[in-house]
Each structure stands twice: as structure tokens, then as C-alpha cells.
PDB file of N, CA and C in Angstrom:
ATOM      1  N   MET A   1      82.615 -36.251-103.712  1.00  0.00           N
ATOM      2  CA  MET A   1      82.520 -34.750-103.914  1.00  0.00           C
ATOM      3  C   MET A   1      82.636 -33.932-102.524  1.00  0.00           C
ATOM      4  N   ALA A   2      83.416 -32.982-102.555  1.00  0.00           N
ATOM      5  CA  ALA A   2      83.385 -32.149-101.360  1.00  0.00           C
ATOM      6  C   ALA A   2      82.210 -31.024-101.572  1.00  0.00           C
ATOM      7  N   PHE A   3      81.750 -30.715-100.319  1.00  0.00           N
ATOM      8  CA  PHE A   3      80.597 -29.620-100.498  1.00  0.00           C
ATOM      9  C   PHE A   3      80.949 -28.569 -99.705  1.00  0.00           C
ATOM     10  N   GLY A   4      80.852 -27.267 -99.991  1.00  0.00           N
ATOM     11  CA  GLY A   4      81.134 -26.095 -99.430  1.00  0.00           C
ATOM     12  C   GLY A   4      80.356 -25.784 -98.417  1.00  0.00           C
ATOM     13  N   ASP A   5      78.928 -26.137 -98.522  1.00  0.00           N
ATOM     14  CA  ASP A   5      77.908 -25.727 -97.434  1.00  0.00           C
ATOM     15  C   ASP A   5      76.760 -26.855 -97.726  1.00  0.00           C
ATOM     16  N   VAL A   6      75.810 -26.691 -96.878  1.00  0.00           N
ATOM     17  CA  VAL A   6      74.573 -27.532 -96.825  1.00  0.00           C
ATOM     18  C   VAL A   6      73.715 -27.324 -97.977  1.00  0.00           C
ATOM     19  N   ASN A   7      73.614 -26.055 -98.496  1.00  0.00           N
ATOM     20  CA  ASN A   7      72.771 -25.870 -99.803  1.00  0.00           C
ATOM     21  C   ASN A   7      73.529 -26.592-101.017  1.00  0.00           C
ATOM     22  N   GLU A   8      74.782 -26.586-101.179  1.00  0.00           N
ATOM     23  CA  GLU A   8      75.441 -27.182-102.030  1.00  0.00           C
ATOM     24  C   GLU A   8      75.036 -28.903-102.194  1.00  0.00           C
ATOM     25  N   TYR A   9      75.348 -29.337-100.698  1.00  0.00           N
ATOM     26  CA  TYR A   9      75.034 -30.715-100.624  1.00  0.00           C
ATOM     27  C   TYR A   9      73.608 -31.103-100.968  1.00  0.00           C
ATOM     28  N   ILE A  10      72.670 -30.463-100.455  1.00  0.00           N
ATOM     29  CA  ILE A  10      71.065 -30.508-100.877  1.00  0.00           C
ATOM     30  C   ILE A  10      70.842 -30.413-102.371  1.00  0.00           C
ATOM     31  N   ALA A  11      71.487 -29.558-102.831  1.00  0.00           N
ATOM     32  CA  ALA A  11      71.370 -29.248-104.364  1.00  0.00           C
ATOM     33  C   ALA A  11      71.901 -30.481-105.224  1.00  0.00           C
ATOM     34  N   ALA A  12      72.873 -31.007-104.687  1.00  0.00           N
ATOM     35  CA  ALA A  12      73.606 -32.118-105.433  1.00  0.00           C
ATOM     36  C   ALA A  12      72.627 -33.359-105.378  1.00  0.00           C
ATOM     37  N   GLN A  13      71.593 -33.535-104.556  1.00  0.00           N
ATOM     38  CA  GLN A  13      70.716 -34.715-104.463  1.00  0.00           C
ATOM     39  C   GLN A  13      69.627 -34.918-105.355  1.00  0.00           C
ATOM     40  N   PRO A  14      68.999 -36.013-105.828  1.00  0.00           N
ATOM     41  CA  PRO A  14      67.793 -35.965-106.589  1.00  0.00           C
ATOM     42  C   PRO A  14      66.811 -35.202-105.949  1.00  0.00           C
ATOM     43  N   THR A  15      65.860 -34.799-106.876  1.00  0.00           N
ATOM     44  CA  THR A  15      64.422 -33.913-106.488  1.00  0.00           C
ATOM     45  C   THR A  15      63.991 -34.446-105.157  1.00  0.00           C
ATOM     46  N   GLY A  16      63.308 -35.601-105.166  1.00  0.00           N
ATOM     47  CA  GLY A  16      62.456 -36.100-104.227  1.00  0.00           C
ATOM     48  C   GLY A  16      63.277 -36.098-102.727  1.00  0.00           C
ATOM     49  N   VAL A  17      64.619 -36.408-103.013  1.00  0.00           N
ATOM     50  CA  VAL A  17      65.543 -36.545-101.831  1.00  0.00           C
ATOM     51  C   VAL A  17      65.794 -35.120-101.362  1.00  0.00           C
ATOM     52  N   ARG A  18      65.854 -34.076-102.096  1.00  0.00           N
ATOM     53  CA  ARG A  18      66.157 -32.956-101.780  1.00  0.00           C
ATOM     54  C   ARG A  18      65.065 -32.352-100.789  1.00  0.00           C
ATOM     55  N   GLU A  19      63.630 -32.491-101.164  1.00  0.00           N
ATOM     56  CA  GLU A  19      62.623 -32.238-100.172  1.00  0.00           C
ATOM     57  C   GLU A  19      62.597 -32.812 -98.860  1.00  0.00           C
ATOM     58  N   LEU A  20      63.079 -34.201 -98.832  1.00  0.00           N
ATOM     59  CA  LEU A  20      63.285 -34.631 -97.690  1.00  0.00           C
ATOM     60  C   LEU A  20      64.340 -34.211 -96.677  1.00  0.00           C
ATOM     61  N   LEU A  21      65.637 -33.857 -97.408  1.00  0.00           N
ATOM     62  CA  LEU A  21      66.702 -33.300 -96.682  1.00  0.00           C
ATOM     63  C   LEU A  21      66.343 -31.863 -96.220  1.00  0.00           C
ATOM     64  N   GLU A  22      65.593 -31.096 -97.016  1.00  0.00           N
ATOM     65  CA  GLU A  22      65.229 -29.724 -96.458  1.00  0.00           C
ATOM     66  C   GLU A  22      64.313 -29.822 -95.255  1.00  0.00           C
ATOM     67  N   ARG A  23      63.358 -30.840 -95.241  1.00  0.00           N
ATOM     68  CA  ARG A  23      62.457 -31.088 -94.097  1.00  0.00           C
ATOM     69  C   ARG A  23      63.267 -31.360 -92.774  1.00  0.00           C
ATOM     70  N   VAL A  24      64.058 -32.303 -93.076  1.00  0.00           N
ATOM     71  CA  VAL A  24      65.175 -32.422 -91.793  1.00  0.00           C
ATOM     72  C   VAL A  24      65.916 -31.273 -91.527  1.00  0.00           C
ATOM     73  N   ARG A  25      66.264 -30.506 -92.319  1.00  0.00           N
ATOM     74  CA  ARG A  25      67.102 -29.277 -91.944  1.00  0.00           C
ATOM     75  C   ARG A  25      66.229 -28.388 -91.208  1.00  0.00           C
ATOM     76  N   GLU A  26      65.137 -28.065 -91.770  1.00  0.00           N
ATOM     77  CA  GLU A  26      64.008 -27.021 -91.154  1.00  0.00           C
ATOM     78  C   GLU A  26      63.838 -27.622 -89.804  1.00  0.00           C
ATOM     79  N   THR A  27      63.524 -28.885 -89.634  1.00  0.00           N
ATOM     80  CA  THR A  27      63.131 -29.644 -88.349  1.00  0.00           C
ATOM     81  C   THR A  27      64.260 -29.260 -87.309  1.00  0.00           C
ATOM     82  N   ILE A  28      65.487 -29.492 -87.615  1.00  0.00           N
ATOM     83  CA  ILE A  28      66.702 -29.309 -86.767  1.00  0.00           C
ATOM     84  C   ILE A  28      66.787 -27.800 -86.495  1.00  0.00           C
ATOM     85  N   LYS A  29      66.660 -26.985 -87.514  1.00  0.00           N
ATOM     86  CA  LYS A  29      66.817 -25.562 -87.236  1.00  0.00           C
ATOM     87  C   LYS A  29      65.720 -25.103 -86.210  1.00  0.00           C
ATOM     88  N   LYS A  30      64.550 -25.507 -86.529  1.00  0.00           N
ATOM     89  CA  LYS A  30      63.444 -25.071 -85.390  1.00  0.00           C
ATOM     90  C   LYS A  30      63.649 -25.562 -84.105  1.00  0.00           C
ATOM     91  N   ALA A  31      64.315 -26.739 -83.745  1.00  0.00           N
ATOM     92  CA  ALA A  31      64.480 -27.591 -82.661  1.00  0.00           C
ATOM     93  C   ALA A  31      65.741 -26.901 -81.961  1.00  0.00           C
ATOM     94  N   ALA A  32      66.698 -26.385 -82.772  1.00  0.00           N
ATOM     95  CA  ALA A  32      67.944 -25.751 -82.266  1.00  0.00           C
ATOM     96  C   ALA A  32      68.310 -24.534 -82.996  1.00  0.00           C
ATOM     97  N   PRO A  33      67.318 -23.470 -82.710  1.00  0.00           N
ATOM     98  CA  PRO A  33      67.470 -22.099 -83.323  1.00  0.00           C
ATOM     99  C   PRO A  33      68.846 -21.555 -83.255  1.00  0.00           C
ATOM    100  N   HIS A  34      69.812 -21.879 -82.290  1.00  0.00           N
ATOM    101  CA  HIS A  34      71.029 -21.052 -82.059  1.00  0.00           C
ATOM    102  C   HIS A  34      72.115 -21.956 -82.711  1.00  0.00           C
ATOM    103  N   ALA A  35      71.721 -23.061 -83.274  1.00  0.00           N
ATOM    104  CA  ALA A  35      72.934 -23.965 -83.805  1.00  0.00           C
ATOM    105  C   ALA A  35      73.447 -23.472 -85.014  1.00  0.00           C
ATOM    106  N   ASP A  36      74.687 -23.739 -85.304  1.00  0.00           N
ATOM    107  CA  ASP A  36      75.385 -23.324 -86.590  1.00  0.00           C
ATOM    108  C   ASP A  36      75.452 -24.478 -87.486  1.00  0.00           C
ATOM    109  N   GLU A  37      75.006 -24.266 -88.819  1.00  0.00           N
ATOM    110  CA  GLU A  37      75.032 -25.199 -89.862  1.00  0.00           C
ATOM    111  C   GLU A  37      76.522 -25.473 -90.459  1.00  0.00           C
ATOM    112  N   THR A  38      76.917 -26.569 -90.716  1.00  0.00           N
ATOM    113  CA  THR A  38      78.177 -26.739 -91.182  1.00  0.00           C
ATOM    114  C   THR A  38      78.144 -28.013 -92.086  1.00  0.00           C
ATOM    115  N   ILE A  39      79.453 -28.422 -92.708  1.00  0.00           N
ATOM    116  CA  ILE A  39      79.608 -29.645 -93.317  1.00  0.00           C
ATOM    117  C   ILE A  39      80.625 -30.327 -92.487  1.00  0.00           C
ATOM    118  N   SER A  40      80.270 -31.539 -92.164  1.00  0.00           N
ATOM    119  CA  SER A  40      81.404 -32.305 -91.259  1.00  0.00           C
ATOM    120  C   SER A  40      81.348 -33.645 -91.808  1.00  0.00           C
ATOM    121  N   TYR A  41      82.472 -34.439 -91.960  1.00  0.00           N
ATOM    122  CA  TYR A  41      82.545 -35.664 -92.634  1.00  0.00           C
ATOM    123  C   TYR A  41      81.821 -35.803 -94.012  1.00  0.00           C
ATOM    124  N   GLY A  42      81.865 -34.682 -94.562  1.00  0.00           N
ATOM    125  CA  GLY A  42      81.078 -34.489 -95.871  1.00  0.00           C
ATOM    126  C   GLY A  42      79.453 -34.368 -96.019  1.00  0.00           C
ATOM    127  N   MET A  43      78.997 -34.441 -94.610  1.00  0.00           N
ATOM    128  CA  MET A  43      77.516 -34.323 -94.483  1.00  0.00           C
ATOM    129  C   MET A  43      77.082 -33.143 -93.824  1.00  0.00           C
ATOM    130  N   PRO A  44      75.951 -32.743 -93.942  1.00  0.00           N
ATOM    131  CA  PRO A  44      75.266 -31.583 -93.268  1.00  0.00           C
ATOM    132  C   PRO A  44      75.171 -31.959 -91.771  1.00  0.00           C
ATOM    133  N   ALA A  45      75.497 -30.937 -90.935  1.00  0.00           N
ATOM    134  CA  ALA A  45      75.696 -31.150 -89.441  1.00  0.00           C
ATOM    135  C   ALA A  45      75.250 -29.711 -88.938  1.00  0.00           C
ATOM    136  N   PHE A  46      74.957 -29.826 -87.713  1.00  0.00           N
ATOM    137  CA  PHE A  46      74.650 -28.758 -86.805  1.00  0.00           C
ATOM    138  C   PHE A  46      75.482 -28.933 -85.668  1.00  0.00           C
ATOM    139  N   LYS A  47      75.976 -27.650 -85.204  1.00  0.00           N
ATOM    140  CA  LYS A  47      76.687 -27.596 -83.751  1.00  0.00           C
ATOM    141  C   LYS A  47      76.380 -26.664 -83.017  1.00  0.00           C
ATOM    142  N   GLN A  48      76.403 -26.918 -81.698  1.00  0.00           N
ATOM    143  CA  GLN A  48      76.115 -25.833 -80.628  1.00  0.00           C
ATOM    144  C   GLN A  48      76.739 -26.288 -79.308  1.00  0.00           C
ATOM    145  N   SER A  49      77.601 -25.813 -78.948  1.00  0.00           N
ATOM    146  CA  SER A  49      78.419 -26.223 -77.764  1.00  0.00           C
ATOM    147  C   SER A  49      78.973 -27.604 -78.100  1.00  0.00           C
ATOM    148  N   GLY A  50      79.435 -27.721 -79.390  1.00  0.00           N
ATOM    149  CA  GLY A  50      79.930 -28.978 -79.784  1.00  0.00           C
ATOM    150  C   GLY A  50      78.928 -29.701 -80.964  1.00  0.00           C
ATOM    151  N   MET A  51      79.306 -30.890 -81.379  1.00  0.00           N
ATOM    152  CA  MET A  51      78.366 -31.203 -82.639  1.00  0.00           C
ATOM    153  C   MET A  51      77.091 -31.782 -82.123  1.00  0.00           C
ATOM    154  N   LEU A  52      76.002 -31.401 -82.692  1.00  0.00           N
ATOM    155  CA  LEU A  52      74.671 -31.924 -82.379  1.00  0.00           C
ATOM    156  C   LEU A  52      74.362 -33.185 -83.135  1.00  0.00           C
ATOM    157  N   VAL A  53      73.962 -33.021 -84.365  1.00  0.00           N
ATOM    158  CA  VAL A  53      73.666 -34.030 -85.305  1.00  0.00           C
ATOM    159  C   VAL A  53      74.032 -33.782 -86.733  1.00  0.00           C
ATOM    160  N   TRP A  54      74.227 -34.989 -87.479  1.00  0.00           N
ATOM    161  CA  TRP A  54      74.432 -34.989 -88.925  1.00  0.00           C
ATOM    162  C   TRP A  54      73.290 -35.575 -89.665  1.00  0.00           C
ATOM    163  N   PHE A  55      73.009 -35.450 -90.764  1.00  0.00           N
ATOM    164  CA  PHE A  55      72.221 -36.135 -91.654  1.00  0.00           C
ATOM    165  C   PHE A  55      72.741 -36.256 -93.025  1.00  0.00           C
ATOM    166  N   ALA A  56      72.135 -37.240 -93.789  1.00  0.00           N
ATOM    167  CA  ALA A  56      72.716 -37.508 -95.139  1.00  0.00           C
ATOM    168  C   ALA A  56      71.806 -38.285 -96.080  1.00  0.00           C
ATOM    169  N   ALA A  57      71.819 -37.967 -97.209  1.00  0.00           N
ATOM    170  CA  ALA A  57      71.079 -38.928 -98.364  1.00  0.00           C
ATOM    171  C   ALA A  57      71.841 -40.246 -98.569  1.00  0.00           C
ATOM    172  N   HIS A  58      71.111 -41.135 -98.554  1.00  0.00           N
ATOM    173  CA  HIS A  58      71.578 -42.518 -98.955  1.00  0.00           C
ATOM    174  C   HIS A  58      70.742 -43.078-100.114  1.00  0.00           C
ATOM    175  N   SER A  59      70.876 -44.181-100.587  1.00  0.00           N
ATOM    176  CA  SER A  59      70.091 -44.805-101.796  1.00  0.00           C
ATOM    177  C   SER A  59      68.805 -44.959-101.442  1.00  0.00           C
ATOM    178  N   LYS A  60      68.346 -45.244-100.341  1.00  0.00           N
ATOM    179  CA  LYS A  60      66.796 -45.682 -99.944  1.00  0.00           C
ATOM    180  C   LYS A  60      66.564 -45.067 -98.686  1.00  0.00           C
ATOM    181  N   HIS A  61      67.328 -44.294 -98.043  1.00  0.00           N
ATOM    182  CA  HIS A  61      67.053 -43.599 -96.743  1.00  0.00           C
ATOM    183  C   HIS A  61      67.867 -42.446 -96.318  1.00  0.00           C
ATOM    184  N   ILE A  62      67.213 -41.464 -95.494  1.00  0.00           N
ATOM    185  CA  ILE A  62      67.965 -40.434 -94.993  1.00  0.00           C
ATOM    186  C   ILE A  62      68.677 -40.971 -93.836  1.00  0.00           C
ATOM    187  N   GLY A  63      70.006 -40.900 -93.620  1.00  0.00           N
ATOM    188  CA  GLY A  63      70.660 -41.222 -92.328  1.00  0.00           C
ATOM    189  C   GLY A  63      70.744 -40.012 -91.528  1.00  0.00           C
ATOM    190  N   PHE A  64      70.344 -40.356 -90.164  1.00  0.00           N
ATOM    191  CA  PHE A  64      70.326 -39.456 -89.068  1.00  0.00           C
ATOM    192  C   PHE A  64      71.316 -39.936 -88.066  1.00  0.00           C
ATOM    193  N   TYR A  65      72.163 -38.970 -87.630  1.00  0.00           N
ATOM    194  CA  TYR A  65      73.256 -39.329 -86.920  1.00  0.00           C
ATOM    195  C   TYR A  65      73.361 -38.438 -85.469  1.00  0.00           C
ATOM    196  N   PRO A  66      72.501 -38.884 -84.532  1.00  0.00           N
ATOM    197  CA  PRO A  66      72.462 -37.959 -83.383  1.00  0.00           C
ATOM    198  C   PRO A  66      73.472 -38.375 -82.231  1.00  0.00           C
ATOM    199  N   THR A  67      74.507 -39.203 -82.495  1.00  0.00           N
ATOM    200  CA  THR A  67      75.461 -39.781 -81.752  1.00  0.00           C
ATOM    201  C   THR A  67      74.822 -40.994 -80.870  1.00  0.00           C
ATOM    202  N   ALA A  68      75.815 -41.551 -80.123  1.00  0.00           N
ATOM    203  CA  ALA A  68      75.421 -42.857 -79.442  1.00  0.00           C
ATOM    204  C   ALA A  68      74.136 -42.478 -78.313  1.00  0.00           C
ATOM    205  N   SER A  69      74.502 -41.416 -77.662  1.00  0.00           N
ATOM    206  CA  SER A  69      73.529 -41.011 -76.722  1.00  0.00           C
ATOM    207  C   SER A  69      72.197 -40.589 -77.108  1.00  0.00           C
ATOM    208  N   GLY A  70      72.049 -39.994 -78.253  1.00  0.00           N
ATOM    209  CA  GLY A  70      70.850 -39.544 -78.863  1.00  0.00           C
ATOM    210  C   GLY A  70      70.145 -40.929 -79.286  1.00  0.00           C
ATOM    211  N   ILE A  71      70.652 -41.855 -79.617  1.00  0.00           N
ATOM    212  CA  ILE A  71      70.192 -43.343 -80.115  1.00  0.00           C
ATOM    213  C   ILE A  71      69.633 -43.907 -78.767  1.00  0.00           C
ATOM    214  N   GLU A  72      70.606 -44.013 -77.777  1.00  0.00           N
ATOM    215  CA  GLU A  72      70.396 -44.787 -76.639  1.00  0.00           C
ATOM    216  C   GLU A  72      68.964 -44.160 -75.769  1.00  0.00           C
ATOM    217  N   SER A  73      68.942 -42.915 -75.833  1.00  0.00           N
ATOM    218  CA  SER A  73      68.065 -42.253 -74.857  1.00  0.00           C
ATOM    219  C   SER A  73      66.594 -42.348 -75.616  1.00  0.00           C
ATOM    220  N   PHE A  74      66.613 -42.697 -76.951  1.00  0.00           N
ATOM    221  CA  PHE A  74      65.214 -42.780 -77.591  1.00  0.00           C
ATOM    222  C   PHE A  74      64.992 -44.077 -78.187  1.00  0.00           C
ATOM    223  N   LYS A  75      65.657 -45.027 -77.593  1.00  0.00           N
ATOM    224  CA  LYS A  75      65.693 -46.436 -78.216  1.00  0.00           C
ATOM    225  C   LYS A  75      64.314 -46.863 -78.545  1.00  0.00           C
ATOM    226  N   GLN A  76      63.371 -46.628 -77.415  1.00  0.00           N
ATOM    227  CA  GLN A  76      61.876 -47.240 -77.663  1.00  0.00           C
ATOM    228  C   GLN A  76      61.327 -46.650 -78.876  1.00  0.00           C
ATOM    229  N   GLU A  77      61.316 -45.172 -79.012  1.00  0.00           N
ATOM    230  CA  GLU A  77      60.664 -44.551 -80.095  1.00  0.00           C
ATOM    231  C   GLU A  77      61.245 -44.773 -81.419  1.00  0.00           C
ATOM    232  N   LEU A  78      62.611 -45.427 -81.367  1.00  0.00           N
ATOM    233  CA  LEU A  78      63.250 -45.531 -82.592  1.00  0.00           C
ATOM    234  C   LEU A  78      63.084 -46.977 -82.915  1.00  0.00           C
ATOM    235  N   SER A  79      62.442 -47.716 -82.255  1.00  0.00           N
ATOM    236  CA  SER A  79      62.614 -49.146 -82.566  1.00  0.00           C
ATOM    237  C   SER A  79      61.869 -49.657 -83.939  1.00  0.00           C
ATOM    238  N   SER A  80      61.182 -48.878 -84.300  1.00  0.00           N
ATOM    239  CA  SER A  80      60.512 -49.280 -85.850  1.00  0.00           C
ATOM    240  C   SER A  80      61.438 -48.880 -86.857  1.00  0.00           C
ATOM    241  N   PHE A  81      62.614 -48.215 -86.621  1.00  0.00           N
ATOM    242  CA  PHE A  81      63.579 -47.851 -87.620  1.00  0.00           C
ATOM    243  C   PHE A  81      64.784 -48.808 -87.668  1.00  0.00           C
ATOM    244  N   THR A  82      65.634 -48.964 -88.537  1.00  0.00           N
ATOM    245  CA  THR A  82      66.890 -49.498 -88.473  1.00  0.00           C
ATOM    246  C   THR A  82      67.856 -48.758 -87.938  1.00  0.00           C
ATOM    247  N   VAL A  83      68.475 -49.142 -86.847  1.00  0.00           N
ATOM    248  CA  VAL A  83      69.340 -48.288 -85.759  1.00  0.00           C
ATOM    249  C   VAL A  83      70.633 -49.071 -85.688  1.00  0.00           C
ATOM    250  N   SER A  84      71.684 -48.293 -85.551  1.00  0.00           N
ATOM    251  CA  SER A  84      73.023 -48.768 -84.869  1.00  0.00           C
ATOM    252  C   SER A  84      73.428 -47.798 -84.132  1.00  0.00           C
ATOM    253  N   LYS A  85      74.705 -48.048 -83.483  1.00  0.00           N
ATOM    254  CA  LYS A  85      75.184 -47.387 -82.521  1.00  0.00           C
ATOM    255  C   LYS A  85      74.867 -45.863 -82.407  1.00  0.00           C
ATOM    256  N   GLY A  86      75.092 -45.307 -83.634  1.00  0.00           N
ATOM    257  CA  GLY A  86      74.964 -43.840 -83.597  1.00  0.00           C
ATOM    258  C   GLY A  86      74.070 -43.206 -84.971  1.00  0.00           C
ATOM    259  N   THR A  87      73.461 -44.273 -85.567  1.00  0.00           N
ATOM    260  CA  THR A  87      72.622 -43.881 -86.728  1.00  0.00           C
ATOM    261  C   THR A  87      71.370 -44.453 -86.774  1.00  0.00           C
ATOM    262  N   VAL A  88      70.427 -43.629 -87.329  1.00  0.00           N
ATOM    263  CA  VAL A  88      68.896 -44.158 -87.635  1.00  0.00           C
ATOM    264  C   VAL A  88      68.896 -43.896 -89.146  1.00  0.00           C
ATOM    265  N   GLN A  89      68.126 -44.806 -89.529  1.00  0.00           N
ATOM    266  CA  GLN A  89      67.771 -44.961 -91.099  1.00  0.00           C
ATOM    267  C   GLN A  89      66.256 -44.367 -91.178  1.00  0.00           C
ATOM    268  N   PHE A  90      65.928 -43.275 -91.823  1.00  0.00           N
ATOM    269  CA  PHE A  90      64.558 -43.010 -92.176  1.00  0.00           C
ATOM    270  C   PHE A  90      64.296 -43.303 -93.608  1.00  0.00           C
ATOM    271  N   PRO A  91      63.572 -44.325 -93.719  1.00  0.00           N
ATOM    272  CA  PRO A  91      63.431 -44.898 -95.202  1.00  0.00           C
ATOM    273  C   PRO A  91      62.504 -43.756 -95.970  1.00  0.00           C
ATOM    274  N   PHE A  92      62.893 -43.815 -97.343  1.00  0.00           N
ATOM    275  CA  PHE A  92      62.095 -42.815 -98.249  1.00  0.00           C
ATOM    276  C   PHE A  92      60.806 -43.102 -98.217  1.00  0.00           C
ATOM    277  N   ASP A  93      60.308 -44.318 -98.114  1.00  0.00           N
ATOM    278  CA  ASP A  93      58.880 -44.883 -98.209  1.00  0.00           C
ATOM    279  C   ASP A  93      58.182 -44.845 -96.958  1.00  0.00           C
ATOM    280  N   LYS A  94      58.804 -44.239 -95.784  1.00  0.00           N
ATOM    281  CA  LYS A  94      57.927 -44.006 -94.686  1.00  0.00           C
ATOM    282  C   LYS A  94      57.867 -42.493 -94.252  1.00  0.00           C
ATOM    283  N   PRO A  95      56.748 -42.001 -93.718  1.00  0.00           N
ATOM    284  CA  PRO A  95      56.826 -40.631 -93.426  1.00  0.00           C
ATOM    285  C   PRO A  95      57.943 -40.198 -92.385  1.00  0.00           C
ATOM    286  N   LEU A  96      58.539 -39.017 -92.622  1.00  0.00           N
ATOM    287  CA  LEU A  96      59.574 -38.510 -91.836  1.00  0.00           C
ATOM    288  C   LEU A  96      59.152 -38.189 -90.454  1.00  0.00           C
ATOM    289  N   PRO A  97      59.704 -38.772 -89.510  1.00  0.00           N
ATOM    290  CA  PRO A  97      59.419 -38.659 -88.036  1.00  0.00           C
ATOM    291  C   PRO A  97      59.663 -37.457 -87.460  1.00  0.00           C
ATOM    292  N   VAL A  98      59.025 -36.133 -87.902  1.00  0.00           N
ATOM    293  CA  VAL A  98      59.481 -34.732 -87.465  1.00  0.00           C
ATOM    294  C   VAL A  98      59.543 -34.662 -85.980  1.00  0.00           C
ATOM    295  N   ALA A  99      58.549 -35.070 -85.272  1.00  0.00           N
ATOM    296  CA  ALA A  99      58.354 -34.918 -83.908  1.00  0.00           C
ATOM    297  C   ALA A  99      59.372 -35.494 -83.118  1.00  0.00           C
ATOM    298  N   LEU A 100      59.835 -36.602 -83.463  1.00  0.00           N
ATOM    299  CA  LEU A 100      60.891 -37.413 -82.936  1.00  0.00           C
ATOM    300  C   LEU A 100      62.216 -36.833 -83.294  1.00  0.00           C
ATOM    301  N   ILE A 101      62.282 -36.269 -84.524  1.00  0.00           N
ATOM    302  CA  ILE A 101      63.730 -35.725 -84.769  1.00  0.00           C
ATOM    303  C   ILE A 101      63.754 -34.376 -83.902  1.00  0.00           C
ATOM    304  N   THR A 102      62.597 -33.706 -83.663  1.00  0.00           N
ATOM    305  CA  THR A 102      62.594 -32.467 -82.847  1.00  0.00           C
ATOM    306  C   THR A 102      63.118 -32.918 -81.456  1.00  0.00           C
ATOM    307  N   LYS A 103      62.624 -33.920 -81.020  1.00  0.00           N
ATOM    308  CA  LYS A 103      62.794 -34.423 -79.601  1.00  0.00           C
ATOM    309  C   LYS A 103      64.238 -34.868 -79.304  1.00  0.00           C
ATOM    310  N   ILE A 104      64.898 -35.510 -80.324  1.00  0.00           N
ATOM    311  CA  ILE A 104      66.092 -35.910 -80.215  1.00  0.00           C
ATOM    312  C   ILE A 104      67.059 -34.720 -80.485  1.00  0.00           C
ATOM    313  N   VAL A 105      66.874 -33.769 -81.239  1.00  0.00           N
ATOM    314  CA  VAL A 105      67.741 -32.508 -81.375  1.00  0.00           C
ATOM    315  C   VAL A 105      67.699 -31.792 -80.327  1.00  0.00           C
ATOM    316  N   LYS A 106      66.628 -31.637 -79.521  1.00  0.00           N
ATOM    317  CA  LYS A 106      66.437 -30.830 -78.234  1.00  0.00           C
ATOM    318  C   LYS A 106      67.104 -31.591 -77.106  1.00  0.00           C
ATOM    319  N   PHE A 107      67.096 -32.842 -77.092  1.00  0.00           N
ATOM    320  CA  PHE A 107      67.860 -33.516 -76.057  1.00  0.00           C
ATOM    321  C   PHE A 107      69.325 -33.344 -76.267  1.00  0.00           C
ATOM    322  N   ARG A 108      69.803 -33.358 -77.493  1.00  0.00           N
ATOM    323  CA  ARG A 108      71.201 -33.191 -77.946  1.00  0.00           C
ATOM    324  C   ARG A 108      71.838 -31.767 -77.531  1.00  0.00           C
ATOM    325  N   VAL A 109      70.896 -30.774 -77.662  1.00  0.00           N
ATOM    326  CA  VAL A 109      71.243 -29.407 -77.393  1.00  0.00           C
ATOM    327  C   VAL A 109      71.430 -29.308 -75.773  1.00  0.00           C
ATOM    328  N   ALA A 110      70.610 -29.809 -75.121  1.00  0.00           N
ATOM    329  CA  ALA A 110      70.578 -29.841 -73.478  1.00  0.00           C
ATOM    330  C   ALA A 110      71.733 -30.510 -73.188  1.00  0.00           C
ATOM    331  N   GLU A 111      72.007 -31.800 -73.795  1.00  0.00           N
ATOM    332  CA  GLU A 111      73.311 -32.415 -73.408  1.00  0.00           C
ATOM    333  C   GLU A 111      74.585 -31.666 -73.732  1.00  0.00           C
ATOM    334  N   ASN A 112      74.675 -31.021 -74.909  1.00  0.00           N
ATOM    335  CA  ASN A 112      75.797 -30.296 -75.163  1.00  0.00           C
ATOM    336  C   ASN A 112      76.090 -29.114 -74.142  1.00  0.00           C
ATOM    337  N   ILE A 113      75.070 -28.375 -73.991  1.00  0.00           N
ATOM    338  CA  ILE A 113      74.940 -27.343 -73.184  1.00  0.00           C
ATOM    339  C   ILE A 113      75.416 -27.801 -71.650  1.00  0.00           C
ATOM    340  N   LYS A 114      74.778 -28.735 -71.299  1.00  0.00           N
ATOM    341  CA  LYS A 114      75.164 -29.442 -69.820  1.00  0.00           C
ATOM    342  C   LYS A 114      76.706 -29.700 -69.787  1.00  0.00           C
ATOM    343  N   LYS A 115      77.348 -30.383 -70.807  1.00  0.00           N
ATOM    344  CA  LYS A 115      78.622 -30.589 -70.910  1.00  0.00           C
ATOM    345  C   LYS A 115      79.517 -29.645 -70.941  1.00  0.00           C
ATOM    346  N   ALA A 116      79.177 -28.533 -71.734  1.00  0.00           N
ATOM    347  CA  ALA A 116      79.929 -27.155 -71.805  1.00  0.00           C
ATOM    348  C   ALA A 116      79.950 -26.428 -70.510  1.00  0.00           C
ATOM    349  N   GLU A 117      78.919 -26.632 -69.736  1.00  0.00           N
ATOM    350  CA  GLU A 117      79.028 -25.832 -68.383  1.00  0.00           C
ATOM    351  C   GLU A 117      79.871 -26.705 -67.258  1.00  0.00           C
ATOM    352  N   VAL A 118      79.813 -28.171 -67.424  1.00  0.00           N
ATOM    353  CA  VAL A 118      80.748 -28.895 -66.587  1.00  0.00           C
ATOM    354  C   VAL A 118      82.130 -28.575 -66.889  1.00  0.00           C
ATOM    355  N   LYS A 119      82.263 -28.388 -68.233  1.00  0.00           N
ATOM    356  CA  LYS A 119      83.803 -28.183 -68.665  1.00  0.00           C
ATOM    357  C   LYS A 119      84.346 -26.835 -68.050  1.00  0.00           C
ATOM    358  N   LYS A 120      83.296 -25.814 -67.835  1.00  0.00           N
ATOM    359  CA  LYS A 120      83.608 -24.453 -67.544  1.00  0.00           C
ATOM    360  C   LYS A 120      84.284 -24.448 -66.014  1.00  0.00           C
ATOM    361  N   LYS A 121      83.679 -25.393 -65.257  1.00  0.00           N
ATOM    362  CA  LYS A 121      83.805 -25.555 -63.928  1.00  0.00           C
ATOM    363  C   LYS A 121      85.100 -25.955 -63.510  1.00  0.00           C
TER     364      LYS A 121
END
């Protein structure tokens, strides 16, 4: 199913999952207040000087996609979660790590801004 915007995506999810997605969304918005919300690869995403992060509902977890650099830079803090090269799984049965999501998003904003400045030169 193709979604027109993040509201549509979230509305299409089961009730309990919608609440978690809204928490992730609000956490990202607070950490990156100048970022634009979009749908990318069929998932909610935020961009600022390039793509920052994506997130999505799965059957047993919220997938959080902060790119490989976002994963690598927070490897220690993410060690209690299932992680792959560019993905973190936040299981539905564990508390959402809001502070960690905030740190990762702020890191990605700074990283994208720095890359954009280098490109300008």
C-alpha cells in the first residue's frame, strides 16, 4: 500500500502500534525541529540536508533506520537491541528508548549539515 503522508501510514497501523509510532515521530520532531517529514521507501522518514532517519512498524517491533553511521556511532548504547548495518529493532514489549533516539537523530542532523557544508566548498 502506498501512503500519501506519515499521518496515513500511522493511521493504517494497529492501535497499540500507532501510539509507539507517534512517540517515535514526536521524538524525532523534537530532536530535529527543522527537518521535513516525508514518506520514503514506503516508510515515514525525516530529511534535513539529506535523509536523516526512517521508521516503520513491523509485526513485533518498530524498525528504526538511522543509516550505517548512526548505528556505528551508537554501537554500545544499541547493544541490547537487534541491530544490522542500518537498522535497529525496538521490540513492542520493551520501553521505547526515547533518549537514545534523540541522541541518534541529533547526531544525524549534525552529520548531514557537516556534509552539506563540505559540498558547498
